[in-house]
Amino acid sequence: MLLSVLSCGPEKGIYVALDSVGIPGNVAQFRYQVTTPGGVSVQSTQIVPAEALSTIDAAIGLQIDRISAARPAWVNYRRLDQYSVLLVDPMAYSEIDLPGAPLLRLQGGGTTAGTVIGILGTRKTVDRSYIVVPHQNGQDWRFMDFFFQAIRNESEHARECNEPNRLDPSPECEQFAGWQDVHPHFP
């Protein structure tokens, strides 16, 4: 299945990066591309409602404000149009805190609300950082706060790992990587 996805066009690096973190191509068949009102590039497997697009802007905007206040010398990823989001099909669902909330299942079997590709081990596979979270079409987008937090939290990684640049990121990039990651990094 992955080979047929990889042959579909110029974005094959995205599929290689997704696969390397445990997200198979069959949950990432991007059929829709849209830009949020603030300028964030979004690719999705499903149609994205206007409320979700506005939520993406608000979540990333909050992170931009907070990190800019804490790290005023950081110059990258200070604008919404510098961010990219991939909305993939859910791979698992929460059974504990928010029963039914969509999750990703990453390499190693753990579940998470989101991740970022184009940083750390996948930085040479794609041309930029991509925030990756599951869409909520099957849940009628009823977990919007959960979606907001997932986008905000993963946008922290996108910013930290692009300062001063993706190939030589800030210490915060690795400090908050992996299973010990606790958000928000900049409350």
N, C-alpha and C. Protein backbone atom coordinates (compact mmCIF):
# COMPACT_ATOMS: atom_id res chain seq x y z
N MET A 1 0.82 -1.20 0.00
CA MET A 1 0.00 0.00 0.00
C MET A 1 0.86 1.26 0.00
N LEU A 2 1.93 1.30 0.79
CA LEU A 2 2.77 2.49 0.88
C LEU A 2 3.41 2.80 -0.47
N LEU A 3 3.79 1.81 -1.26
CA LEU A 3 4.43 2.07 -2.54
C LEU A 3 3.51 2.80 -3.49
N SER A 4 2.24 2.47 -3.50
CA SER A 4 1.33 3.18 -4.39
C SER A 4 1.14 4.62 -3.95
N VAL A 5 1.21 4.88 -2.65
CA VAL A 5 1.10 6.24 -2.15
C VAL A 5 2.35 7.03 -2.52
N LEU A 6 3.50 6.42 -2.37
CA LEU A 6 4.75 7.12 -2.64
C LEU A 6 4.88 7.53 -4.10
N SER A 7 4.27 6.81 -4.99
CA SER A 7 4.41 7.11 -6.41
C SER A 7 3.44 8.18 -6.89
N CYS A 8 2.66 8.75 -5.99
CA CYS A 8 1.59 9.64 -6.43
C CYS A 8 2.01 11.08 -6.67
N GLY A 9 3.22 11.48 -6.38
CA GLY A 9 3.56 12.85 -6.70
C GLY A 9 4.71 13.42 -5.92
N PRO A 10 4.84 14.76 -5.95
CA PRO A 10 6.01 15.43 -5.41
C PRO A 10 6.10 15.42 -3.89
N GLU A 11 5.05 15.03 -3.19
CA GLU A 11 5.06 15.09 -1.74
C GLU A 11 5.39 13.76 -1.10
N LYS A 12 6.11 12.90 -1.83
CA LYS A 12 6.39 11.58 -1.29
C LYS A 12 7.20 11.65 0.00
N GLY A 13 7.99 12.70 0.19
CA GLY A 13 8.74 12.85 1.44
C GLY A 13 7.84 12.89 2.65
N ILE A 14 6.65 13.47 2.50
CA ILE A 14 5.69 13.50 3.60
C ILE A 14 5.33 12.08 4.02
N TYR A 15 5.08 11.22 3.03
CA TYR A 15 4.68 9.85 3.34
C TYR A 15 5.82 9.06 3.96
N VAL A 16 7.04 9.31 3.52
CA VAL A 16 8.21 8.65 4.11
C VAL A 16 8.35 9.08 5.57
N ALA A 17 8.21 10.38 5.83
CA ALA A 17 8.32 10.89 7.20
C ALA A 17 7.19 10.36 8.08
N LEU A 18 5.96 10.37 7.57
CA LEU A 18 4.84 9.83 8.35
C LEU A 18 5.07 8.36 8.68
N ASP A 19 5.46 7.58 7.68
CA ASP A 19 5.71 6.16 7.89
C ASP A 19 6.82 5.93 8.92
N SER A 20 7.83 6.78 8.92
CA SER A 20 8.94 6.59 9.85
C SER A 20 8.54 6.81 11.31
N VAL A 21 7.46 7.56 11.55
CA VAL A 21 6.98 7.73 12.93
C VAL A 21 5.81 6.80 13.25
N GLY A 22 5.44 5.96 12.28
CA GLY A 22 4.40 4.96 12.53
C GLY A 22 3.04 5.28 11.95
N ILE A 23 2.93 6.32 11.14
CA ILE A 23 1.65 6.69 10.54
C ILE A 23 1.65 6.19 9.10
N PRO A 24 0.87 5.15 8.80
CA PRO A 24 0.90 4.57 7.45
C PRO A 24 0.17 5.43 6.43
N GLY A 25 0.56 5.28 5.19
CA GLY A 25 -0.01 6.06 4.11
C GLY A 25 -1.51 5.91 3.95
N ASN A 26 -2.06 4.77 4.35
CA ASN A 26 -3.51 4.57 4.15
C ASN A 26 -4.35 5.48 5.03
N VAL A 27 -3.80 6.11 6.07
CA VAL A 27 -4.57 7.07 6.88
C VAL A 27 -4.22 8.50 6.50
N ALA A 28 -3.41 8.65 5.45
CA ALA A 28 -2.95 9.98 5.04
C ALA A 28 -3.15 10.21 3.55
N GLN A 29 -4.31 9.85 3.05
CA GLN A 29 -4.63 10.06 1.63
C GLN A 29 -5.21 11.47 1.48
N PHE A 30 -4.34 12.45 1.37
CA PHE A 30 -4.76 13.85 1.37
C PHE A 30 -5.48 14.20 0.07
N ARG A 31 -6.76 14.53 0.21
CA ARG A 31 -7.58 14.89 -0.94
C ARG A 31 -7.96 16.36 -0.93
N TYR A 32 -7.74 17.02 0.17
CA TYR A 32 -8.16 18.41 0.31
C TYR A 32 -6.99 19.26 0.78
N GLN A 33 -6.84 20.41 0.16
CA GLN A 33 -5.83 21.38 0.59
C GLN A 33 -6.52 22.72 0.71
N VAL A 34 -6.34 23.37 1.86
CA VAL A 34 -7.02 24.63 2.14
C VAL A 34 -6.07 25.49 2.97
N THR A 35 -6.32 26.77 2.98
CA THR A 35 -5.56 27.69 3.82
C THR A 35 -6.52 28.28 4.84
N THR A 36 -6.10 28.35 6.09
CA THR A 36 -6.93 28.93 7.13
C THR A 36 -7.07 30.44 6.88
N PRO A 37 -8.02 31.10 7.54
CA PRO A 37 -8.14 32.55 7.38
C PRO A 37 -6.83 33.30 7.70
N GLY A 38 -6.03 32.74 8.62
CA GLY A 38 -4.77 33.38 9.01
C GLY A 38 -3.58 32.99 8.15
N GLY A 39 -3.75 31.99 7.27
CA GLY A 39 -2.67 31.64 6.35
C GLY A 39 -1.99 30.31 6.57
N VAL A 40 -2.45 29.50 7.53
CA VAL A 40 -1.85 28.18 7.76
C VAL A 40 -2.25 27.25 6.61
N SER A 41 -1.29 26.55 6.05
CA SER A 41 -1.55 25.57 4.99
C SER A 41 -2.03 24.27 5.63
N VAL A 42 -3.17 23.75 5.17
CA VAL A 42 -3.76 22.53 5.73
C VAL A 42 -4.01 21.54 4.60
N GLN A 43 -3.53 20.32 4.79
CA GLN A 43 -3.88 19.21 3.90
C GLN A 43 -4.67 18.22 4.75
N SER A 44 -5.73 17.67 4.19
CA SER A 44 -6.60 16.79 4.97
C SER A 44 -7.14 15.65 4.12
N THR A 45 -7.45 14.57 4.80
CA THR A 45 -8.09 13.44 4.14
C THR A 45 -9.60 13.66 4.03
N GLN A 46 -10.14 14.62 4.79
CA GLN A 46 -11.57 14.91 4.81
C GLN A 46 -11.78 16.42 4.71
N ILE A 47 -12.98 16.82 4.35
CA ILE A 47 -13.32 18.24 4.34
C ILE A 47 -13.20 18.79 5.76
N VAL A 48 -12.64 19.98 5.88
CA VAL A 48 -12.40 20.59 7.19
C VAL A 48 -13.39 21.75 7.37
N PRO A 49 -14.20 21.72 8.43
CA PRO A 49 -15.15 22.80 8.63
C PRO A 49 -14.47 24.12 9.00
N ALA A 50 -15.14 25.21 8.73
CA ALA A 50 -14.61 26.55 9.00
C ALA A 50 -14.21 26.72 10.46
N GLU A 51 -15.00 26.16 11.39
CA GLU A 51 -14.68 26.27 12.81
C GLU A 51 -13.33 25.63 13.13
N ALA A 52 -13.03 24.51 12.50
CA ALA A 52 -11.74 23.84 12.74
C ALA A 52 -10.60 24.69 12.18
N LEU A 53 -10.81 25.31 11.02
CA LEU A 53 -9.77 26.16 10.44
C LEU A 53 -9.49 27.36 11.34
N SER A 54 -10.53 27.97 11.89
CA SER A 54 -10.35 29.08 12.82
C SER A 54 -9.68 28.63 14.11
N THR A 55 -9.98 27.41 14.54
CA THR A 55 -9.35 26.85 15.74
C THR A 55 -7.86 26.65 15.52
N ILE A 56 -7.48 26.21 14.34
CA ILE A 56 -6.05 26.05 14.02
C ILE A 56 -5.35 27.40 14.17
N ASP A 57 -5.92 28.46 13.60
CA ASP A 57 -5.33 29.79 13.72
C ASP A 57 -5.22 30.23 15.18
N ALA A 58 -6.27 30.04 15.95
CA ALA A 58 -6.28 30.47 17.35
C ALA A 58 -5.24 29.70 18.17
N ALA A 59 -5.13 28.41 17.94
CA ALA A 59 -4.20 27.59 18.71
C ALA A 59 -2.75 27.96 18.41
N ILE A 60 -2.43 28.06 17.13
CA ILE A 60 -1.06 28.42 16.76
C ILE A 60 -0.78 29.87 17.16
N GLY A 61 -1.77 30.74 17.02
CA GLY A 61 -1.61 32.14 17.43
C GLY A 61 -1.27 32.28 18.91
N LEU A 62 -1.92 31.49 19.76
CA LEU A 62 -1.63 31.52 21.19
C LEU A 62 -0.18 31.11 21.45
N GLN A 63 0.25 30.04 20.79
CA GLN A 63 1.65 29.60 20.95
C GLN A 63 2.61 30.67 20.48
N ILE A 64 2.33 31.29 19.34
CA ILE A 64 3.22 32.35 18.83
C ILE A 64 3.35 33.46 19.86
N ASP A 65 2.23 33.90 20.42
CA ASP A 65 2.25 34.97 21.43
C ASP A 65 3.07 34.57 22.64
N ARG A 66 2.85 33.36 23.14
CA ARG A 66 3.53 32.95 24.38
C ARG A 66 5.02 32.71 24.18
N ILE A 67 5.40 32.05 23.10
CA ILE A 67 6.83 31.82 22.88
C ILE A 67 7.53 33.13 22.52
N SER A 68 6.87 33.99 21.77
CA SER A 68 7.47 35.29 21.43
C SER A 68 7.74 36.11 22.68
N ALA A 69 6.86 36.03 23.68
CA ALA A 69 7.07 36.75 24.93
C ALA A 69 8.23 36.13 25.73
N ALA A 70 8.32 34.80 25.71
CA ALA A 70 9.37 34.11 26.48
C ALA A 70 10.73 34.12 25.77
N ARG A 71 10.71 34.11 24.44
CA ARG A 71 11.94 34.06 23.65
C ARG A 71 11.89 35.13 22.56
N PRO A 72 11.99 36.42 22.95
CA PRO A 72 11.84 37.48 21.96
C PRO A 72 12.91 37.46 20.86
N ALA A 73 14.04 36.84 21.09
CA ALA A 73 15.09 36.78 20.06
C ALA A 73 14.79 35.75 18.97
N TRP A 74 13.85 34.85 19.22
CA TRP A 74 13.51 33.84 18.20
C TRP A 74 12.76 34.52 17.06
N VAL A 75 13.27 34.35 15.85
CA VAL A 75 12.70 35.06 14.71
C VAL A 75 11.92 34.17 13.75
N ASN A 76 12.06 32.87 13.84
CA ASN A 76 11.38 31.97 12.91
C ASN A 76 10.01 31.55 13.45
N TYR A 77 9.12 31.25 12.53
CA TYR A 77 7.78 30.75 12.86
C TYR A 77 7.02 31.70 13.79
N ARG A 78 7.09 32.98 13.46
CA ARG A 78 6.36 34.02 14.20
C ARG A 78 5.06 34.41 13.51
N ARG A 79 4.81 33.82 12.34
CA ARG A 79 3.61 34.13 11.58
C ARG A 79 2.84 32.84 11.27
N LEU A 80 1.53 32.95 11.22
CA LEU A 80 0.69 31.78 10.92
C LEU A 80 1.02 31.16 9.57
N ASP A 81 1.34 31.98 8.58
CA ASP A 81 1.59 31.44 7.25
C ASP A 81 2.89 30.64 7.14
N GLN A 82 3.63 30.52 8.22
CA GLN A 82 4.84 29.71 8.23
C GLN A 82 4.56 28.27 8.70
N TYR A 83 3.32 27.98 9.08
CA TYR A 83 2.95 26.67 9.62
C TYR A 83 2.18 25.84 8.60
N SER A 84 2.35 24.53 8.70
CA SER A 84 1.62 23.58 7.86
C SER A 84 1.03 22.50 8.76
N VAL A 85 -0.20 22.10 8.46
CA VAL A 85 -0.91 21.10 9.26
C VAL A 85 -1.38 19.98 8.33
N LEU A 86 -1.21 18.74 8.78
CA LEU A 86 -1.72 17.56 8.09
C LEU A 86 -2.80 16.94 8.97
N LEU A 87 -4.01 16.83 8.46
CA LEU A 87 -5.09 16.18 9.20
C LEU A 87 -5.29 14.79 8.60
N VAL A 88 -4.93 13.78 9.39
CA VAL A 88 -4.99 12.39 8.94
C VAL A 88 -6.19 11.70 9.56
N ASP A 89 -6.50 10.50 9.06
CA ASP A 89 -7.58 9.71 9.65
C ASP A 89 -7.17 9.24 11.04
N PRO A 90 -8.09 9.22 11.99
CA PRO A 90 -7.77 8.72 13.34
C PRO A 90 -7.28 7.27 13.28
N MET A 91 -6.36 6.94 14.15
CA MET A 91 -5.80 5.59 14.22
C MET A 91 -6.23 4.88 15.50
N ALA A 92 -6.71 5.63 16.48
CA ALA A 92 -7.16 5.08 17.76
C ALA A 92 -8.12 6.12 18.37
N TYR A 93 -8.75 5.73 19.46
CA TYR A 93 -9.67 6.63 20.14
C TYR A 93 -9.43 6.55 21.64
N SER A 94 -9.52 7.70 22.28
CA SER A 94 -9.31 7.76 23.73
C SER A 94 -10.37 6.93 24.44
N GLU A 95 -9.93 6.21 25.44
CA GLU A 95 -10.85 5.42 26.26
C GLU A 95 -10.88 5.92 27.70
N ILE A 96 -10.01 6.89 28.01
CA ILE A 96 -9.87 7.31 29.40
C ILE A 96 -10.38 8.72 29.62
N ASP A 97 -9.58 9.74 29.31
CA ASP A 97 -9.93 11.12 29.63
C ASP A 97 -11.13 11.65 28.84
N LEU A 98 -11.07 11.50 27.53
CA LEU A 98 -12.15 11.96 26.66
C LEU A 98 -12.58 10.80 25.77
N PRO A 99 -13.40 9.90 26.26
CA PRO A 99 -13.78 8.74 25.46
C PRO A 99 -14.28 9.14 24.07
N GLY A 100 -13.67 8.57 23.06
CA GLY A 100 -14.04 8.84 21.68
C GLY A 100 -13.19 9.86 20.97
N ALA A 101 -12.34 10.60 21.70
CA ALA A 101 -11.48 11.60 21.06
C ALA A 101 -10.46 10.87 20.18
N PRO A 102 -10.27 11.36 18.95
CA PRO A 102 -9.38 10.68 18.01
C PRO A 102 -7.90 10.87 18.36
N LEU A 103 -7.14 9.81 18.12
CA LEU A 103 -5.71 9.80 18.44
C LEU A 103 -4.90 9.23 17.28
N LEU A 104 -3.60 9.42 17.35
CA LEU A 104 -2.64 8.77 16.46
C LEU A 104 -1.99 7.64 17.23
N ARG A 105 -1.58 6.61 16.52
CA ARG A 105 -0.80 5.53 17.13
C ARG A 105 0.58 5.60 16.47
N LEU A 106 1.60 5.90 17.29
CA LEU A 106 2.93 6.08 16.75
C LEU A 106 3.77 4.82 16.85
N GLN A 107 4.92 4.88 16.20
CA GLN A 107 5.86 3.76 16.24
C GLN A 107 6.13 3.42 17.69
N GLY A 108 6.12 2.16 18.03
CA GLY A 108 6.28 1.73 19.40
C GLY A 108 4.95 1.47 20.08
N GLY A 109 3.84 1.84 19.43
CA GLY A 109 2.52 1.49 19.94
C GLY A 109 1.84 2.52 20.81
N GLY A 110 2.50 3.61 21.17
CA GLY A 110 1.87 4.61 22.00
C GLY A 110 0.88 5.45 21.22
N THR A 111 -0.09 6.01 21.94
CA THR A 111 -1.07 6.88 21.30
C THR A 111 -0.82 8.32 21.73
N THR A 112 -1.20 9.25 20.87
CA THR A 112 -0.99 10.66 21.14
C THR A 112 -2.02 11.48 20.37
N ALA A 113 -2.23 12.71 20.83
CA ALA A 113 -3.16 13.61 20.15
C ALA A 113 -2.55 14.19 18.88
N GLY A 114 -1.23 14.18 18.77
CA GLY A 114 -0.58 14.73 17.58
C GLY A 114 0.92 14.54 17.62
N THR A 115 1.56 14.91 16.52
CA THR A 115 3.01 14.83 16.42
C THR A 115 3.45 15.85 15.38
N VAL A 116 4.75 15.94 15.16
CA VAL A 116 5.31 16.83 14.15
C VAL A 116 6.31 16.03 13.33
N ILE A 117 6.24 16.16 12.01
CA ILE A 117 7.28 15.60 11.15
C ILE A 117 8.07 16.77 10.57
N GLY A 118 9.28 16.47 10.12
CA GLY A 118 10.14 17.51 9.59
C GLY A 118 11.06 18.09 10.65
N ILE A 119 11.12 17.44 11.81
CA ILE A 119 12.03 17.83 12.88
C ILE A 119 12.79 16.59 13.33
N LEU A 120 13.84 16.80 14.07
CA LEU A 120 14.66 15.71 14.61
C LEU A 120 14.94 14.66 13.54
N GLY A 121 14.54 13.42 13.73
CA GLY A 121 14.88 12.33 12.81
C GLY A 121 14.27 12.42 11.43
N THR A 122 13.23 13.23 11.25
CA THR A 122 12.58 13.33 9.93
C THR A 122 12.89 14.65 9.24
N ARG A 123 13.81 15.44 9.78
CA ARG A 123 14.04 16.79 9.24
C ARG A 123 14.60 16.80 7.83
N LYS A 124 15.31 15.74 7.43
CA LYS A 124 15.89 15.72 6.08
C LYS A 124 14.95 15.08 5.06
N THR A 125 13.82 14.56 5.51
CA THR A 125 12.88 13.87 4.62
C THR A 125 11.91 14.82 3.94
N VAL A 126 11.57 15.91 4.61
CA VAL A 126 10.62 16.88 4.07
C VAL A 126 11.23 18.28 4.10
N ASP A 127 10.60 19.21 3.40
CA ASP A 127 11.15 20.55 3.26
C ASP A 127 10.78 21.52 4.38
N ARG A 128 9.89 21.11 5.27
CA ARG A 128 9.47 21.97 6.37
C ARG A 128 8.86 21.11 7.47
N SER A 129 8.49 21.73 8.57
CA SER A 129 7.81 21.02 9.65
C SER A 129 6.32 20.96 9.36
N TYR A 130 5.71 19.83 9.71
CA TYR A 130 4.27 19.65 9.55
C TYR A 130 3.69 19.18 10.88
N ILE A 131 2.68 19.88 11.36
CA ILE A 131 1.93 19.44 12.53
C ILE A 131 0.97 18.37 12.03
N VAL A 132 0.92 17.22 12.71
CA VAL A 132 0.08 16.11 12.28
C VAL A 132 -0.89 15.76 13.40
N VAL A 133 -2.18 15.89 13.13
CA VAL A 133 -3.21 15.51 14.10
C VAL A 133 -4.34 14.82 13.35
N PRO A 134 -5.13 14.01 14.04
CA PRO A 134 -6.28 13.38 13.37
C PRO A 134 -7.44 14.36 13.22
N HIS A 135 -8.16 14.22 12.12
CA HIS A 135 -9.39 15.01 11.95
C HIS A 135 -10.46 14.43 12.86
N GLN A 136 -11.58 15.12 12.96
CA GLN A 136 -12.68 14.66 13.82
C GLN A 136 -13.99 14.52 13.05
N ASN A 137 -13.91 14.28 11.76
CA ASN A 137 -15.14 14.16 10.98
C ASN A 137 -16.06 13.06 11.51
N GLY A 138 -15.51 11.94 11.93
CA GLY A 138 -16.32 10.85 12.45
C GLY A 138 -16.92 11.13 13.81
N GLN A 139 -16.45 12.17 14.46
CA GLN A 139 -16.96 12.55 15.78
C GLN A 139 -17.70 13.89 15.72
N ASP A 140 -18.04 14.34 14.52
CA ASP A 140 -18.74 15.61 14.32
C ASP A 140 -18.01 16.79 14.95
N TRP A 141 -16.68 16.70 15.03
CA TRP A 141 -15.83 17.78 15.57
C TRP A 141 -16.29 18.22 16.96
N ARG A 142 -16.73 17.28 17.78
CA ARG A 142 -17.22 17.64 19.12
C ARG A 142 -16.12 17.77 20.16
N PHE A 143 -14.87 17.46 19.80
CA PHE A 143 -13.75 17.58 20.73
C PHE A 143 -12.87 18.77 20.33
N MET A 144 -13.48 19.93 20.14
CA MET A 144 -12.74 21.09 19.63
C MET A 144 -11.67 21.59 20.60
N ASP A 145 -11.93 21.54 21.91
CA ASP A 145 -10.89 21.96 22.85
C ASP A 145 -9.69 21.01 22.76
N PHE A 146 -9.95 19.73 22.64
CA PHE A 146 -8.91 18.72 22.48
C PHE A 146 -8.11 19.00 21.20
N PHE A 147 -8.81 19.33 20.12
CA PHE A 147 -8.17 19.68 18.85
C PHE A 147 -7.32 20.93 19.01
N PHE A 148 -7.86 21.95 19.67
CA PHE A 148 -7.13 23.19 19.93
C PHE A 148 -5.82 22.90 20.66
N GLN A 149 -5.92 22.12 21.74
CA GLN A 149 -4.72 21.80 22.53
C GLN A 149 -3.70 21.00 21.73
N ALA A 150 -4.17 20.05 20.93
CA ALA A 150 -3.25 19.24 20.11
C ALA A 150 -2.50 20.13 19.12
N ILE A 151 -3.22 21.01 18.44
CA ILE A 151 -2.58 21.91 17.47
C ILE A 151 -1.60 22.85 18.19
N ARG A 152 -2.04 23.43 19.28
CA ARG A 152 -1.17 24.35 20.03
C ARG A 152 0.08 23.65 20.51
N ASN A 153 -0.11 22.49 21.11
CA ASN A 153 1.02 21.76 21.68
C ASN A 153 2.02 21.35 20.60
N GLU A 154 1.53 20.84 19.51
CA GLU A 154 2.46 20.41 18.46
C GLU A 154 3.10 21.60 17.76
N SER A 155 2.39 22.74 17.72
CA SER A 155 3.01 23.93 17.12
C SER A 155 4.19 24.41 17.96
N GLU A 156 4.20 24.10 19.26
CA GLU A 156 5.37 24.43 20.08
C GLU A 156 6.60 23.71 19.52
N HIS A 157 6.45 22.43 19.19
CA HIS A 157 7.58 21.68 18.64
C HIS A 157 8.01 22.25 17.29
N ALA A 158 7.06 22.59 16.46
CA ALA A 158 7.40 23.16 15.16
C ALA A 158 8.23 24.43 15.34
N ARG A 159 7.87 25.24 16.30
CA ARG A 159 8.61 26.49 16.53
C ARG A 159 9.97 26.22 17.16
N GLU A 160 10.00 25.43 18.21
CA GLU A 160 11.27 25.16 18.90
C GLU A 160 12.30 24.51 17.98
N CYS A 161 11.83 23.66 17.10
CA CYS A 161 12.74 22.89 16.25
C CYS A 161 13.07 23.61 14.94
N ASN A 162 12.63 24.83 14.78
CA ASN A 162 12.98 25.65 13.62
C ASN A 162 13.75 26.90 14.03
N GLU A 163 14.19 26.93 15.27
CA GLU A 163 14.93 28.08 15.77
C GLU A 163 16.29 27.61 16.25
N PRO A 164 17.42 28.08 15.78
CA PRO A 164 17.50 29.06 14.70
C PRO A 164 17.20 28.48 13.31
N ASN A 165 17.31 27.15 13.14
CA ASN A 165 16.90 26.52 11.88
C ASN A 165 16.69 25.03 12.12
N ARG A 166 16.07 24.33 11.16
CA ARG A 166 15.73 22.91 11.35
C ARG A 166 16.94 22.01 11.50
N LEU A 167 18.05 22.36 10.88
CA LEU A 167 19.24 21.49 10.94
C LEU A 167 20.06 21.72 12.20
N ASP A 168 19.85 22.84 12.87
CA ASP A 168 20.57 23.16 14.11
C ASP A 168 19.61 23.82 15.08
N PRO A 169 18.64 23.03 15.60
CA PRO A 169 17.57 23.63 16.40
C PRO A 169 18.00 24.01 17.82
N SER A 170 17.12 24.76 18.49
CA SER A 170 17.33 25.19 19.87
C SER A 170 17.39 23.97 20.80
N PRO A 171 18.00 24.14 21.98
CA PRO A 171 18.02 23.04 22.95
C PRO A 171 16.62 22.56 23.34
N GLU A 172 15.64 23.46 23.32
CA GLU A 172 14.26 23.08 23.65
C GLU A 172 13.72 22.02 22.71
N CYS A 173 14.21 21.98 21.48
CA CYS A 173 13.73 21.01 20.51
C CYS A 173 13.92 19.59 21.03
N GLU A 174 15.11 19.27 21.50
CA GLU A 174 15.36 17.91 22.01
C GLU A 174 14.91 17.75 23.45
N GLN A 175 14.96 18.83 24.22
CA GLN A 175 14.55 18.76 25.63
C GLN A 175 13.13 18.26 25.79
N PHE A 176 12.25 18.67 24.87
CA PHE A 176 10.84 18.31 24.98
C PHE A 176 10.43 17.19 24.03
N ALA A 177 11.39 16.46 23.50
CA ALA A 177 11.08 15.39 22.55
C ALA A 177 10.75 14.09 23.27
N GLY A 178 9.97 13.26 22.63
CA GLY A 178 9.72 11.91 23.14
C GLY A 178 8.60 11.83 24.16
N TRP A 179 8.57 10.73 24.86
CA TRP A 179 7.47 10.41 25.77
C TRP A 179 7.47 11.24 27.04
N GLN A 180 8.56 11.95 27.33
CA GLN A 180 8.60 12.80 28.52
C GLN A 180 8.09 14.20 28.24
N ASP A 181 7.53 14.41 27.07
CA ASP A 181 7.04 15.69 26.63
C ASP A 181 5.79 16.09 27.42
N VAL A 182 5.86 17.24 28.06
CA VAL A 182 4.71 17.75 28.83
C VAL A 182 4.41 19.17 28.33
N HIS A 183 3.16 19.42 27.97
CA HIS A 183 2.76 20.73 27.45
C HIS A 183 1.92 21.46 28.48
N PRO A 184 1.86 22.78 28.38
CA PRO A 184 2.58 23.63 27.44
C PRO A 184 4.01 23.86 27.87
N HIS A 185 4.92 24.04 26.91
CA HIS A 185 6.31 24.32 27.21
C HIS A 185 6.46 25.76 27.67
N PHE A 186 5.60 26.63 27.14
CA PHE A 186 5.61 28.05 27.48
C PHE A 186 4.20 28.45 27.90
N PRO A 187 3.87 28.27 29.19
CA PRO A 187 2.50 28.54 29.65
C PRO A 187 2.10 30.01 29.54
